[in-house]
C-alpha cells in the first residue's frame, strides 16, 4: 500500500526527534486553555448549544436498518430509521426495506433486534417496521408546512455504515417534484450532507423536531453535492398512520387526466394571470365525471386554496380519504364556478 512508507517514515521521524520533543514540549506547544463559558460571542455560543442540544435529544430516536435476503447472498441494503412510538414502530424508506425478506434494527445503545414489516408504500417511498424492545425513545414530529427556506436543519443517520452521524445545513427549497424517486413527491431540498445509508433517517430543526425523512441525493458519482431531498414529515406521518392501521395506503381518486396550464393558453381561456391545472380528459363514470367536471376545465383552487401545479394537485388529492367531498374552483367559459366532488378510491391500475 502507498501509505506504508509514509507511516514508516513518520515512525522514524518521531524516533529521531523523541528526545527533543520530550525535553522541549512546553516550548513547542502552548498550554491548553481551561473550558469556560462566555468565551464566544453570545449569539454563536447559543447557536452551538442549540446544535449540541438538538443532537442529544434526537440521536436516541435514530436507528440503523439492515435488510437481508438469504437467497441473494446476505445483506442487501443498509439505511436508517426513526422510532415513532413506544410500541416499537420505526419509519424508514421503502427502498431501504424493499430488497429484503428479513430486517434488523440496531438501536443507538447497540441492541440488535429482529424487525417485522408492518407495511410499505412504493408510491411515496415510505415503510414502517416493528420491533419489540423496552425503553424506546420516540422522536418528536414537527410541522413541515411551517418550515421556512433558509432554516437550519440537521440530518442524522448511518451514512456509509457510520452510525450516529450528524450533518448540518439549511432548507434550500420546498415543494420539489419530478425528482424521479416516487410517484408522489413534494420534497424538502437541503444542503445538509446526505449520503448512502442516510435514507430513512430524520431531518430535524434546531428544536429537535423531525421535519422530514431523508430520501435521495442528486449526485452522479454517489456522494453528496449539496442537493438532497427529504419527504416532508406531514406527508410521512399520514402514510405511516395508514400503514400501521391498514398495512397499506388508501388514496382518494378524482378520475381525470391533467397538465399544467401553459402560459400561452391563459388568454385563450380568458384568464389574465395566475396558475392553473388544465383537465385534458375525464374518466367515464369516475368521480369527476359524475360531478360534472369536463375536459377543458381549468382548476384554479381546491378547498379554496390556490393550486401550484399538476403534481401538487395530484398529491393533495391523494392525501384525502376516499369518500370525502372536495370543492374545486373551476374556470369554464370565461367565468368562475365551484364544483363539489365526492372522491373515489384509487386502485393499483388507475
C-alpha atoms as a PDB file:
ATOM      1  CA  UNK A   1       0.000   0.000   0.000  1.00  0.00           C
ATOM      2  CA  UNK A   2       1.195   3.531  -0.721  1.00  0.00           C
ATOM      3  CA  UNK A   3       0.520   4.607   2.834  1.00  0.00           C
ATOM      4  CA  UNK A   4       3.004   2.166   4.423  1.00  0.00           C
ATOM      5  CA  UNK A   5       6.286   4.028   3.542  1.00  0.00           C
ATOM      6  CA  UNK A   6       4.721   7.221   4.787  1.00  0.00           C
ATOM      7  CA  UNK A   7       3.772   5.599   8.079  1.00  0.00           C
ATOM      8  CA  UNK A   8       7.270   4.125   8.455  1.00  0.00           C
ATOM      9  CA  UNK A   9       8.855   7.488   7.698  1.00  0.00           C
ATOM     10  CA  UNK A  10       6.712   9.158  10.327  1.00  0.00           C
ATOM     11  CA  UNK A  11       7.683   6.491  12.852  1.00  0.00           C
ATOM     12  CA  UNK A  12      11.375   7.046  12.106  1.00  0.00           C
ATOM     13  CA  UNK A  13      10.969  10.781  12.347  1.00  0.00           C
ATOM     14  CA  UNK A  14       9.245  10.502  15.710  1.00  0.00           C
ATOM     15  CA  UNK A  15      12.077   8.323  16.980  1.00  0.00           C
ATOM     16  CA  UNK A  16      14.733  10.790  15.881  1.00  0.00           C
ATOM     17  CA  UNK A  17      13.007  13.733  17.428  1.00  0.00           C
ATOM     18  CA  UNK A  18      11.801  11.934  20.541  1.00  0.00           C
ATOM     19  CA  UNK A  19      14.367  13.367  22.887  1.00  0.00           C
ATOM     20  CA  UNK A  20      13.918  16.879  21.568  1.00  0.00           C
ATOM     21  CA  UNK A  21      10.149  16.755  21.832  1.00  0.00           C
ATOM     22  CA  UNK A  22      10.177  15.278  25.312  1.00  0.00           C
ATOM     23  CA  UNK A  23      12.701  17.841  26.528  1.00  0.00           C
ATOM     24  CA  UNK A  24      11.122  20.918  24.998  1.00  0.00           C
ATOM     25  CA  UNK A  25       7.396  20.119  24.800  1.00  0.00           C
ATOM     26  CA  UNK A  26       6.459  23.262  26.692  1.00  0.00           C
ATOM     27  CA  UNK A  27       8.316  25.334  24.129  1.00  0.00           C
ATOM     28  CA  UNK A  28       6.702  23.627  21.153  1.00  0.00           C
ATOM     29  CA  UNK A  29       3.051  23.681  22.256  1.00  0.00           C
ATOM     30  CA  UNK A  30       1.021  26.338  24.038  1.00  0.00           C
ATOM     31  CA  UNK A  31      -0.702  25.154  27.232  1.00  0.00           C
ATOM     32  CA  UNK A  32      -4.361  24.126  26.907  1.00  0.00           C
ATOM     33  CA  UNK A  33      -6.820  26.795  27.969  1.00  0.00           C
ATOM     34  CA  UNK A  34      -9.472  25.854  30.542  1.00  0.00           C
ATOM     35  CA  UNK A  35     -13.013  25.176  29.311  1.00  0.00           C
ATOM     36  CA  UNK A  36     -15.024  28.282  30.121  1.00  0.00           C
ATOM     37  CA  UNK A  37     -18.386  29.540  29.028  1.00  0.00           C
ATOM     38  CA  UNK A  38     -18.662  33.022  27.664  1.00  0.00           C
ATOM     39  CA  UNK A  39     -15.510  32.761  25.541  1.00  0.00           C
ATOM     40  CA  UNK A  40     -17.610  33.002  22.373  1.00  0.00           C
ATOM     41  CA  UNK A  41     -19.957  35.808  21.354  1.00  0.00           C
ATOM     42  CA  UNK A  42     -23.352  35.177  22.915  1.00  0.00           C
ATOM     43  CA  UNK A  43     -25.114  34.527  19.609  1.00  0.00           C
ATOM     44  CA  UNK A  44     -22.534  31.996  18.411  1.00  0.00           C
ATOM     45  CA  UNK A  45     -22.464  30.193  21.743  1.00  0.00           C
ATOM     46  CA  UNK A  46     -26.275  29.979  21.755  1.00  0.00           C
ATOM     47  CA  UNK A  47     -26.224  28.515  18.229  1.00  0.00           C
ATOM     48  CA  UNK A  48     -23.586  25.978  19.231  1.00  0.00           C
ATOM     49  CA  UNK A  49     -25.625  24.940  22.264  1.00  0.00           C
ATOM     50  CA  UNK A  50     -28.714  24.644  20.054  1.00  0.00           C
ATOM     51  CA  UNK A  51     -26.878  22.239  17.729  1.00  0.00           C
ATOM     52  CA  UNK A  52     -25.496  20.158  20.592  1.00  0.00           C
ATOM     53  CA  UNK A  53     -28.791  20.066  22.446  1.00  0.00           C
ATOM     54  CA  UNK A  54     -30.685  19.026  19.332  1.00  0.00           C
ATOM     55  CA  UNK A  55     -28.306  16.144  18.654  1.00  0.00           C
ATOM     56  CA  UNK A  56     -28.544  14.936  22.252  1.00  0.00           C
ATOM     57  CA  UNK A  57     -32.350  14.957  22.070  1.00  0.00           C
ATOM     58  CA  UNK A  58     -32.702  13.299  18.672  1.00  0.00           C
ATOM     59  CA  UNK A  59     -29.967  10.643  18.476  1.00  0.00           C
ATOM     60  CA  UNK A  60     -31.729   8.231  20.899  1.00  0.00           C
ATOM     61  CA  UNK A  61     -34.595   8.041  18.374  1.00  0.00           C
ATOM     62  CA  UNK A  62     -32.425   7.262  15.318  1.00  0.00           C
ATOM     63  CA  UNK A  63     -31.751   3.639  14.335  1.00  0.00           C
ATOM     64  CA  UNK A  64     -29.903   1.701  11.669  1.00  0.00           C
ATOM     65  CA  UNK A  65     -31.962  -0.581   9.418  1.00  0.00           C
ATOM     66  CA  UNK A  66     -30.472  -3.608   7.650  1.00  0.00           C
ATOM     67  CA  UNK A  67     -32.319  -5.655   5.027  1.00  0.00           C
ATOM     68  CA  UNK A  68     -31.339  -9.275   4.382  1.00  0.00           C
ATOM     69  CA  UNK A  69     -32.170 -11.692   1.599  1.00  0.00           C
ATOM     70  CA  UNK A  70     -30.635 -15.115   2.324  1.00  0.00           C
ATOM     71  CA  UNK A  71     -31.374 -16.328  -1.188  1.00  0.00           C
ATOM     72  CA  UNK A  72     -29.375 -13.432  -2.694  1.00  0.00           C
ATOM     73  CA  UNK A  73     -26.097 -13.568  -0.680  1.00  0.00           C
ATOM     74  CA  UNK A  74     -26.977 -11.992   2.626  1.00  0.00           C
ATOM     75  CA  UNK A  75     -27.303  -8.291   3.336  1.00  0.00           C
ATOM     76  CA  UNK A  76     -28.997  -6.300   0.591  1.00  0.00           C
ATOM     77  CA  UNK A  77     -29.142  -2.760   1.969  1.00  0.00           C
ATOM     78  CA  UNK A  78     -28.332  -0.585   4.949  1.00  0.00           C
ATOM     79  CA  UNK A  79     -30.278   2.526   5.845  1.00  0.00           C
ATOM     80  CA  UNK A  80     -31.633   4.499   8.760  1.00  0.00           C
ATOM     81  CA  UNK A  81     -34.929   4.884  10.555  1.00  0.00           C
ATOM     82  CA  UNK A  82     -36.853   6.881  13.155  1.00  0.00           C
ATOM     83  CA  UNK A  83     -38.620   5.470  16.218  1.00  0.00           C
ATOM     84  CA  UNK A  84     -42.234   6.653  16.063  1.00  0.00           C
ATOM     85  CA  UNK A  85     -43.685   5.392  19.337  1.00  0.00           C
ATOM     86  CA  UNK A  86     -43.067   3.293  22.426  1.00  0.00           C
ATOM     87  CA  UNK A  87     -44.846   0.353  20.759  1.00  0.00           C
ATOM     88  CA  UNK A  88     -41.807  -0.043  18.506  1.00  0.00           C
ATOM     89  CA  UNK A  89     -42.906   1.306  15.133  1.00  0.00           C
ATOM     90  CA  UNK A  90     -39.968   2.503  13.037  1.00  0.00           C
ATOM     91  CA  UNK A  91     -40.377   4.751   9.989  1.00  0.00           C
ATOM     92  CA  UNK A  92     -37.935   4.371   7.101  1.00  0.00           C
ATOM     93  CA  UNK A  93     -37.808   4.440   3.293  1.00  0.00           C
ATOM     94  CA  UNK A  94     -39.379   1.771   1.146  1.00  0.00           C
ATOM     95  CA  UNK A  95     -36.183   1.467  -0.904  1.00  0.00           C
ATOM     96  CA  UNK A  96     -34.298   0.545   2.286  1.00  0.00           C
ATOM     97  CA  UNK A  97     -36.504  -2.480   3.031  1.00  0.00           C
ATOM     98  CA  UNK A  98     -37.806  -3.468  -0.428  1.00  0.00           C
ATOM     99  CA  UNK A  99     -34.904  -5.718  -1.417  1.00  0.00           C
ATOM    100  CA  UNK A 100     -35.026  -7.791   1.774  1.00  0.00           C
ATOM    101  CA  UNK A 101     -37.111 -10.635   3.139  1.00  0.00           C
ATOM    102  CA  UNK A 102     -35.961 -10.102   6.732  1.00  0.00           C
ATOM    103  CA  UNK A 103     -34.844  -6.990   8.601  1.00  0.00           C
ATOM    104  CA  UNK A 104     -32.775  -5.947  11.596  1.00  0.00           C
ATOM    105  CA  UNK A 105     -32.898  -2.701  13.537  1.00  0.00           C
ATOM    106  CA  UNK A 106     -29.874  -1.563  15.552  1.00  0.00           C
ATOM    107  CA  UNK A 107     -30.706   0.823  18.391  1.00  0.00           C
ATOM    108  CA  UNK A 108     -28.429   3.673  19.493  1.00  0.00           C
ATOM    109  CA  UNK A 109     -27.454   1.687  22.611  1.00  0.00           C
ATOM    110  CA  UNK A 110     -26.179  -1.160  20.413  1.00  0.00           C
ATOM    111  CA  UNK A 111     -29.109  -3.578  20.764  1.00  0.00           C
ATOM    112  CA  UNK A 112     -29.767  -5.522  17.560  1.00  0.00           C
ATOM    113  CA  UNK A 113     -33.376  -6.548  17.110  1.00  0.00           C
ATOM    114  CA  UNK A 114     -35.305  -8.561  14.571  1.00  0.00           C
ATOM    115  CA  UNK A 115     -37.878  -6.367  12.839  1.00  0.00           C
ATOM    116  CA  UNK A 116     -41.189  -7.210  11.218  1.00  0.00           C
ATOM    117  CA  UNK A 117     -42.538  -5.391   8.176  1.00  0.00           C
ATOM    118  CA  UNK A 118     -45.776  -3.602   9.056  1.00  0.00           C
ATOM    119  CA  UNK A 119     -46.280  -2.211   5.565  1.00  0.00           C
ATOM    120  CA  UNK A 120     -44.602  -0.345   2.761  1.00  0.00           C
ATOM    121  CA  UNK A 121     -45.740   2.185   0.189  1.00  0.00           C
ATOM    122  CA  UNK A 122     -43.646   2.376  -3.010  1.00  0.00           C
ATOM    123  CA  UNK A 123     -45.711   5.318  -4.265  1.00  0.00           C
ATOM    124  CA  UNK A 124     -44.312   7.561  -1.513  1.00  0.00           C
ATOM    125  CA  UNK A 125     -41.121   5.535  -0.856  1.00  0.00           C
ATOM    126  CA  UNK A 126     -42.024   5.007   2.811  1.00  0.00           C
ATOM    127  CA  UNK A 127     -42.222   1.911   5.012  1.00  0.00           C
ATOM    128  CA  UNK A 128     -42.893   1.015   8.640  1.00  0.00           C
ATOM    129  CA  UNK A 129     -41.149  -1.738  10.611  1.00  0.00           C
ATOM    130  CA  UNK A 130     -41.990  -3.043  14.069  1.00  0.00           C
ATOM    131  CA  UNK A 131     -39.622  -4.104  16.853  1.00  0.00           C
ATOM    132  CA  UNK A 132     -40.123  -5.351  20.410  1.00  0.00           C
ATOM    133  CA  UNK A 133     -37.949  -3.546  22.932  1.00  0.00           C
ATOM    134  CA  UNK A 134     -38.152  -1.657  26.194  1.00  0.00           C
ATOM    135  CA  UNK A 135     -37.059   1.899  26.926  1.00  0.00           C
ATOM    136  CA  UNK A 136     -37.571   3.189  23.399  1.00  0.00           C
ATOM    137  CA  UNK A 137     -37.370   6.945  22.857  1.00  0.00           C
ATOM    138  CA  UNK A 138     -39.817   8.129  20.171  1.00  0.00           C
ATOM    139  CA  UNK A 139     -38.892  11.120  18.059  1.00  0.00           C
ATOM    140  CA  UNK A 140     -40.791  14.404  18.284  1.00  0.00           C
ATOM    141  CA  UNK A 141     -42.516  15.146  14.982  1.00  0.00           C
ATOM    142  CA  UNK A 142     -42.769  18.721  13.755  1.00  0.00           C
ATOM    143  CA  UNK A 143     -44.930  20.530  11.196  1.00  0.00           C
ATOM    144  CA  UNK A 144     -43.230  20.537   7.793  1.00  0.00           C
ATOM    145  CA  UNK A 145     -45.772  23.014   6.406  1.00  0.00           C
ATOM    146  CA  UNK A 146     -44.267  25.660   8.686  1.00  0.00           C
ATOM    147  CA  UNK A 147     -40.650  25.006   7.661  1.00  0.00           C
ATOM    148  CA  UNK A 148     -39.052  28.030   6.009  1.00  0.00           C
ATOM    149  CA  UNK A 149     -36.423  28.227   3.285  1.00  0.00           C
ATOM    150  CA  UNK A 150     -33.134  29.230   4.912  1.00  0.00           C
ATOM    151  CA  UNK A 151     -33.942  27.492   8.204  1.00  0.00           C
ATOM    152  CA  UNK A 152     -31.180  25.454   9.875  1.00  0.00           C
ATOM    153  CA  UNK A 153     -31.668  21.659   9.832  1.00  0.00           C
ATOM    154  CA  UNK A 154     -29.641  18.600  10.845  1.00  0.00           C
ATOM    155  CA  UNK A 155     -29.590  15.234   9.076  1.00  0.00           C
ATOM    156  CA  UNK A 156     -28.964  12.122  11.198  1.00  0.00           C
ATOM    157  CA  UNK A 157     -28.422   8.504  10.280  1.00  0.00           C
ATOM    158  CA  UNK A 158     -25.922   5.857   9.199  1.00  0.00           C
ATOM    159  CA  UNK A 159     -24.188   7.023   6.002  1.00  0.00           C
ATOM    160  CA  UNK A 160     -21.604   4.611   4.602  1.00  0.00           C
ATOM    161  CA  UNK A 161     -22.026   2.344   7.689  1.00  0.00           C
ATOM    162  CA  UNK A 162     -21.087   5.161  10.084  1.00  0.00           C
ATOM    163  CA  UNK A 163     -23.833   5.139  12.740  1.00  0.00           C
ATOM    164  CA  UNK A 164     -24.839   8.204  14.764  1.00  0.00           C
ATOM    165  CA  UNK A 165     -23.599  10.592  12.081  1.00  0.00           C
ATOM    166  CA  UNK A 166     -24.857  14.184  12.126  1.00  0.00           C
ATOM    167  CA  UNK A 167     -24.569  16.778   9.338  1.00  0.00           C
ATOM    168  CA  UNK A 168     -25.890  20.331   9.186  1.00  0.00           C
ATOM    169  CA  UNK A 169     -27.332  22.602   6.526  1.00  0.00           C
ATOM    170  CA  UNK A 170     -30.352  24.672   5.649  1.00  0.00           C
ATOM    171  CA  UNK A 171     -33.664  24.163   3.891  1.00  0.00           C
ATOM    172  CA  UNK A 172     -32.758  25.070   0.313  1.00  0.00           C
ATOM    173  CA  UNK A 173     -36.248  24.820  -1.210  1.00  0.00           C
ATOM    174  CA  UNK A 174     -39.711  23.361  -0.646  1.00  0.00           C
ATOM    175  CA  UNK A 175     -42.193  21.519  -2.844  1.00  0.00           C
ATOM    176  CA  UNK A 176     -39.678  19.868  -5.160  1.00  0.00           C
ATOM    177  CA  UNK A 177     -41.311  17.468  -7.646  1.00  0.00           C
ATOM    178  CA  UNK A 178     -40.146  15.466 -10.664  1.00  0.00           C
ATOM    179  CA  UNK A 179     -37.140  14.151  -8.745  1.00  0.00           C
ATOM    180  CA  UNK A 180     -37.836  10.663 -10.114  1.00  0.00           C
ATOM    181  CA  UNK A 181     -37.814   8.719  -6.844  1.00  0.00           C
ATOM    182  CA  UNK A 182     -41.507   8.108  -6.129  1.00  0.00           C
ATOM    183  CA  UNK A 183     -44.950   8.592  -7.663  1.00  0.00           C
ATOM    184  CA  UNK A 184     -45.939  11.208  -5.075  1.00  0.00           C
ATOM    185  CA  UNK A 185     -43.248  13.819  -4.497  1.00  0.00           C
ATOM    186  CA  UNK A 186     -43.229  17.070  -2.540  1.00  0.00           C
ATOM    187  CA  UNK A 187     -39.676  17.134  -1.245  1.00  0.00           C
ATOM    188  CA  UNK A 188     -37.847  19.452   1.074  1.00  0.00           C
ATOM    189  CA  UNK A 189     -34.486  20.250  -0.511  1.00  0.00           C
ATOM    190  CA  UNK A 190     -31.494  20.686   1.789  1.00  0.00           C
ATOM    191  CA  UNK A 191     -27.741  21.139   1.534  1.00  0.00           C
ATOM    192  CA  UNK A 192     -27.125  19.088   4.673  1.00  0.00           C
ATOM    193  CA  UNK A 193     -24.840  16.240   3.585  1.00  0.00           C
ATOM    194  CA  UNK A 194     -26.950  13.138   2.909  1.00  0.00           C
ATOM    195  CA  UNK A 195     -25.210  10.036   1.598  1.00  0.00           C
ATOM    196  CA  UNK A 196     -25.921   6.354   1.005  1.00  0.00           C
ATOM    197  CA  UNK A 197     -27.171   4.909   4.273  1.00  0.00           C
ATOM    198  CA  UNK A 198     -28.833   8.155   5.399  1.00  0.00           C
ATOM    199  CA  UNK A 199     -32.062   7.053   3.712  1.00  0.00           C
ATOM    200  CA  UNK A 200     -34.907   6.794   6.213  1.00  0.00           C
ATOM    201  CA  UNK A 201     -33.192   8.914   8.846  1.00  0.00           C
ATOM    202  CA  UNK A 202     -34.623  12.169  10.175  1.00  0.00           C
ATOM    203  CA  UNK A 203     -34.129  15.735   9.050  1.00  0.00           C
ATOM    204  CA  UNK A 204     -34.720  17.850  12.161  1.00  0.00           C
ATOM    205  CA  UNK A 205     -34.978  21.509  13.101  1.00  0.00           C
ATOM    206  CA  UNK A 206     -32.969  23.074  15.922  1.00  0.00           C
ATOM    207  CA  UNK A 207     -35.783  22.353  18.371  1.00  0.00           C
ATOM    208  CA  UNK A 208     -35.251  18.639  17.832  1.00  0.00           C
ATOM    209  CA  UNK A 209     -38.444  18.127  15.826  1.00  0.00           C
ATOM    210  CA  UNK A 210     -38.436  15.827  12.796  1.00  0.00           C
ATOM    211  CA  UNK A 211     -39.460  17.832   9.727  1.00  0.00           C
ATOM    212  CA  UNK A 212     -38.507  15.306   7.031  1.00  0.00           C
ATOM    213  CA  UNK A 213     -37.324  11.801   6.185  1.00  0.00           C
ATOM    214  CA  UNK A 214     -34.021  11.815   4.277  1.00  0.00           C
ATOM    215  CA  UNK A 215     -34.598  10.058   0.969  1.00  0.00           C
ATOM    216  CA  UNK A 216     -32.487  10.997  -2.037  1.00  0.00           C
ATOM    217  CA  UNK A 217     -29.416  12.831  -3.290  1.00  0.00           C
ATOM    218  CA  UNK A 218     -28.705  14.484  -6.627  1.00  0.00           C
ATOM    219  CA  UNK A 219     -25.225  13.173  -7.298  1.00  0.00           C
ATOM    220  CA  UNK A 220     -23.930  11.245 -10.348  1.00  0.00           C
ATOM    221  CA  UNK A 221     -20.946   9.621  -8.519  1.00  0.00           C
ATOM    222  CA  UNK A 222     -22.965   8.764  -5.383  1.00  0.00           C
ATOM    223  CA  UNK A 223     -21.573  11.386  -2.981  1.00  0.00           C
ATOM    224  CA  UNK A 224     -23.260  14.451  -1.583  1.00  0.00           C
ATOM    225  CA  UNK A 225     -23.145  17.510  -3.830  1.00  0.00           C
ATOM    226  CA  UNK A 226     -25.209  19.769  -1.595  1.00  0.00           C
ATOM    227  CA  UNK A 227     -28.536  18.848  -3.211  1.00  0.00           C
ATOM    228  CA  UNK A 228     -30.502  16.366  -1.133  1.00  0.00           C
ATOM    229  CA  UNK A 229     -34.186  15.633  -0.674  1.00  0.00           C
ATOM    230  CA  UNK A 230     -36.368  14.693   2.287  1.00  0.00           C
ATOM    231  CA  UNK A 231     -40.023  13.656   2.428  1.00  0.00           C
ATOM    232  CA  UNK A 232     -41.962  16.255   4.470  1.00  0.00           C
ATOM    233  CA  UNK A 233     -42.957  14.773   7.819  1.00  0.00           C
ATOM    234  CA  UNK A 234     -46.597  15.815   7.387  1.00  0.00           C
ATOM    235  CA  UNK A 235     -46.801  13.569   4.334  1.00  0.00           C
ATOM    236  CA  UNK A 236     -44.802  10.798   6.012  1.00  0.00           C
ATOM    237  CA  UNK A 237     -46.932  10.950   9.172  1.00  0.00           C
ATOM    238  CA  UNK A 238     -50.131  10.323   7.192  1.00  0.00           C
ATOM    239  CA  UNK A 239     -48.632   7.432   5.240  1.00  0.00           C
ATOM    240  CA  UNK A 240     -47.201   5.852   8.408  1.00  0.00           C
ATOM    241  CA  UNK A 241     -50.552   6.091  10.192  1.00  0.00           C
ATOM    242  CA  UNK A 242     -52.271   4.225   7.352  1.00  0.00           C
ATOM    243  CA  UNK A 243     -49.552   1.574   7.155  1.00  0.00           C
ATOM    244  CA  UNK A 244     -49.857   0.945  10.894  1.00  0.00           C
ATOM    245  CA  UNK A 245     -53.658   0.863  10.772  1.00  0.00           C
ATOM    246  CA  UNK A 246     -54.284  -0.939   7.462  1.00  0.00           C
ATOM    247  CA  UNK A 247     -50.940  -2.323   6.308  1.00  0.00           C
ATOM    248  CA  UNK A 248     -51.355  -0.293   3.111  1.00  0.00           C
ATOM    249  CA  UNK A 249     -52.235   3.227   1.991  1.00  0.00           C
ATOM    250  CA  UNK A 250     -55.747   4.043   0.762  1.00  0.00           C
ATOM    251  CA  UNK A 251     -55.671   7.032  -1.582  1.00  0.00           C
ATOM    252  CA  UNK A 252     -58.506   9.120  -2.938  1.00  0.00           C
ATOM    253  CA  UNK A 253     -59.168   9.231  -6.680  1.00  0.00           C
ATOM    254  CA  UNK A 254     -60.554  12.094  -8.781  1.00  0.00           C
ATOM    255  CA  UNK A 255     -60.631  10.383 -12.175  1.00  0.00           C
ATOM    256  CA  UNK A 256     -59.059  12.950 -14.512  1.00  0.00           C
ATOM    257  CA  UNK A 257     -56.022  13.421 -16.720  1.00  0.00           C
ATOM    258  CA  UNK A 258     -54.423  16.828 -16.353  1.00  0.00           C
ATOM    259  CA  UNK A 259     -51.448  19.044 -17.129  1.00  0.00           C
ATOM    260  CA  UNK A 260     -50.120  22.414 -16.038  1.00  0.00           C
ATOM    261  CA  UNK A 261     -51.905  25.208 -17.863  1.00  0.00           C
ATOM    262  CA  UNK A 262     -49.443  26.516 -20.475  1.00  0.00           C
ATOM    263  CA  UNK A 263     -48.805  30.248 -20.240  1.00  0.00           C
ATOM    264  CA  UNK A 264     -49.937  30.647 -23.837  1.00  0.00           C
ATOM    265  CA  UNK A 265     -53.352  29.178 -23.056  1.00  0.00           C
ATOM    266  CA  UNK A 266     -54.298  31.667 -20.334  1.00  0.00           C
ATOM    267  CA  UNK A 267     -55.591  34.350 -22.639  1.00  0.00           C
ATOM    268  CA  UNK A 268     -57.196  31.706 -24.824  1.00  0.00           C
ATOM    269  CA  UNK A 269     -59.387  30.547 -21.926  1.00  0.00           C
ATOM    270  CA  UNK A 270     -59.922  34.077 -20.645  1.00  0.00           C
ATOM    271  CA  UNK A 271     -57.515  34.103 -17.705  1.00  0.00           C
ATOM    272  CA  UNK A 272     -55.314  37.155 -17.246  1.00  0.00           C
ATOM    273  CA  UNK A 273     -52.777  35.677 -14.839  1.00  0.00           C
ATOM    274  CA  UNK A 274     -52.198  33.004 -12.234  1.00  0.00           C
ATOM    275  CA  UNK A 275     -51.515  29.289 -12.273  1.00  0.00           C
ATOM    276  CA  UNK A 276     -53.980  26.551 -13.006  1.00  0.00           C
ATOM    277  CA  UNK A 277     -54.321  22.881 -13.904  1.00  0.00           C
ATOM    278  CA  UNK A 278     -55.900  22.031 -17.250  1.00  0.00           C
ATOM    279  CA  UNK A 279     -58.195  18.992 -17.344  1.00  0.00           C
ATOM    280  CA  UNK A 280     -57.386  17.167 -20.595  1.00  0.00           C
ATOM    281  CA  UNK A 281     -59.577  14.083 -20.115  1.00  0.00           C
ATOM    282  CA  UNK A 282     -62.237  12.911 -17.682  1.00  0.00           C
ATOM    283  CA  UNK A 283     -62.544   9.192 -16.911  1.00  0.00           C
ATOM    284  CA  UNK A 284     -66.009   7.999 -17.856  1.00  0.00           C
ATOM    285  CA  UNK A 285     -68.023   7.035 -14.780  1.00  0.00           C
ATOM    286  CA  UNK A 286     -65.341   8.379 -12.431  1.00  0.00           C
ATOM    287  CA  UNK A 287     -65.888  10.789  -9.523  1.00  0.00           C
ATOM    288  CA  UNK A 288     -65.077  13.922 -11.539  1.00  0.00           C
ATOM    289  CA  UNK A 289     -67.335  12.908 -14.450  1.00  0.00           C
ATOM    290  CA  UNK A 290     -70.258  12.214 -12.129  1.00  0.00           C
ATOM    291  CA  UNK A 291     -69.797  15.623 -10.506  1.00  0.00           C
ATOM    292  CA  UNK A 292     -69.814  17.476 -13.839  1.00  0.00           C
ATOM    293  CA  UNK A 293     -66.124  18.208 -14.437  1.00  0.00           C
ATOM    294  CA  UNK A 294     -65.364  18.481 -18.179  1.00  0.00           C
ATOM    295  CA  UNK A 295     -62.285  18.346 -20.423  1.00  0.00           C
ATOM    296  CA  UNK A 296     -61.032  21.888 -20.954  1.00  0.00           C
ATOM    297  CA  UNK A 297     -61.885  22.996 -17.416  1.00  0.00           C
ATOM    298  CA  UNK A 298     -59.083  24.830 -15.606  1.00  0.00           C
ATOM    299  CA  UNK A 299     -58.868  24.023 -11.895  1.00  0.00           C
ATOM    300  CA  UNK A 300     -57.650  27.082 -10.002  1.00  0.00           C
ATOM    301  CA  UNK A 301     -58.231  26.009  -6.399  1.00  0.00           C
ATOM    302  CA  UNK A 302     -59.077  23.095  -4.136  1.00  0.00           C
ATOM    303  CA  UNK A 303     -60.829  23.757  -0.828  1.00  0.00           C
ATOM    304  CA  UNK A 304     -60.338  27.480  -1.547  1.00  0.00           C
ATOM    305  CA  UNK A 305     -56.530  27.056  -1.616  1.00  0.00           C
ATOM    306  CA  UNK A 306     -54.782  28.065  -4.890  1.00  0.00           C
ATOM    307  CA  UNK A 307     -53.108  25.281  -6.849  1.00  0.00           C
ATOM    308  CA  UNK A 308     -49.404  25.399  -7.602  1.00  0.00           C
ATOM    309  CA  UNK A 309     -49.088  22.790 -10.334  1.00  0.00           C
ATOM    310  CA  UNK A 310     -50.374  19.440 -11.549  1.00  0.00           C
ATOM    311  CA  UNK A 311     -48.089  17.351  -9.336  1.00  0.00           C
ATOM    312  CA  UNK A 312     -49.066  19.138  -6.131  1.00  0.00           C
ATOM    313  CA  UNK A 313     -52.761  18.957  -7.074  1.00  0.00           C
ATOM    314  CA  UNK A 314     -52.387  15.216  -7.595  1.00  0.00           C
ATOM    315  CA  UNK A 315     -50.593  14.915  -4.244  1.00  0.00           C
ATOM    316  CA  UNK A 316     -53.289  16.868  -2.403  1.00  0.00           C
ATOM    317  CA  UNK A 317     -55.977  14.601  -3.886  1.00  0.00           C
ATOM    318  CA  UNK A 318     -54.045  11.501  -2.812  1.00  0.00           C
ATOM    319  CA  UNK A 319     -53.842  12.740   0.777  1.00  0.00           C
ATOM    320  CA  UNK A 320     -57.638  12.877   1.060  1.00  0.00           C
ATOM    321  CA  UNK A 321     -59.740   9.970   2.259  1.00  0.00           C
ATOM    322  CA  UNK A 322     -61.867   8.010  -0.221  1.00  0.00           C
ATOM    323  CA  UNK A 323     -65.466   9.152   0.106  1.00  0.00           C
ATOM    324  CA  UNK A 324     -64.508  12.660   1.236  1.00  0.00           C
ATOM    325  CA  UNK A 325     -66.049  15.551  -0.698  1.00  0.00           C
ATOM    326  CA  UNK A 326     -63.822  18.333  -2.000  1.00  0.00           C
ATOM    327  CA  UNK A 327     -64.718  21.667  -3.603  1.00  0.00           C
ATOM    328  CA  UNK A 328     -62.890  22.643  -6.791  1.00  0.00           C
ATOM    329  CA  UNK A 329     -62.686  26.199  -8.076  1.00  0.00           C
ATOM    330  CA  UNK A 330     -63.019  25.814 -11.857  1.00  0.00           C
ATOM    331  CA  UNK A 331     -62.677  28.347 -14.674  1.00  0.00           C
ATOM    332  CA  UNK A 332     -65.008  27.485 -17.547  1.00  0.00           C
ATOM    333  CA  UNK A 333     -66.259  29.557 -20.466  1.00  0.00           C
ATOM    334  CA  UNK A 334     -64.883  32.786 -19.044  1.00  0.00           C
ATOM    335  CA  UNK A 335     -66.384  32.506 -15.591  1.00  0.00           C
ATOM    336  CA  UNK A 336     -65.566  31.020 -12.205  1.00  0.00           C
ATOM    337  CA  UNK A 337     -67.630  28.183 -10.745  1.00  0.00           C
ATOM    338  CA  UNK A 338     -67.389  25.749  -7.855  1.00  0.00           C
ATOM    339  CA  UNK A 339     -67.997  22.018  -8.144  1.00  0.00           C
ATOM    340  CA  UNK A 340     -68.254  19.581  -5.231  1.00  0.00           C
ATOM    341  CA  UNK A 341     -66.741  16.168  -5.956  1.00  0.00           C
ATOM    342  CA  UNK A 342     -67.146  13.076  -3.709  1.00  0.00           C
ATOM    343  CA  UNK A 343     -63.805  11.290  -4.176  1.00  0.00           C
ATOM    344  CA  UNK A 344     -63.454   7.619  -5.054  1.00  0.00           C
ATOM    345  CA  UNK A 345     -60.675   5.202  -4.024  1.00  0.00           C
ATOM    346  CA  UNK A 346     -57.616   4.716  -6.201  1.00  0.00           C
ATOM    347  CA  UNK A 347     -56.853   1.195  -7.299  1.00  0.00           C
ATOM    348  CA  UNK A 348     -53.470  -0.073  -8.380  1.00  0.00           C
ATOM    349  CA  UNK A 349     -54.099   0.311 -12.109  1.00  0.00           C
ATOM    350  CA  UNK A 350     -55.587   3.827 -12.037  1.00  0.00           C
END
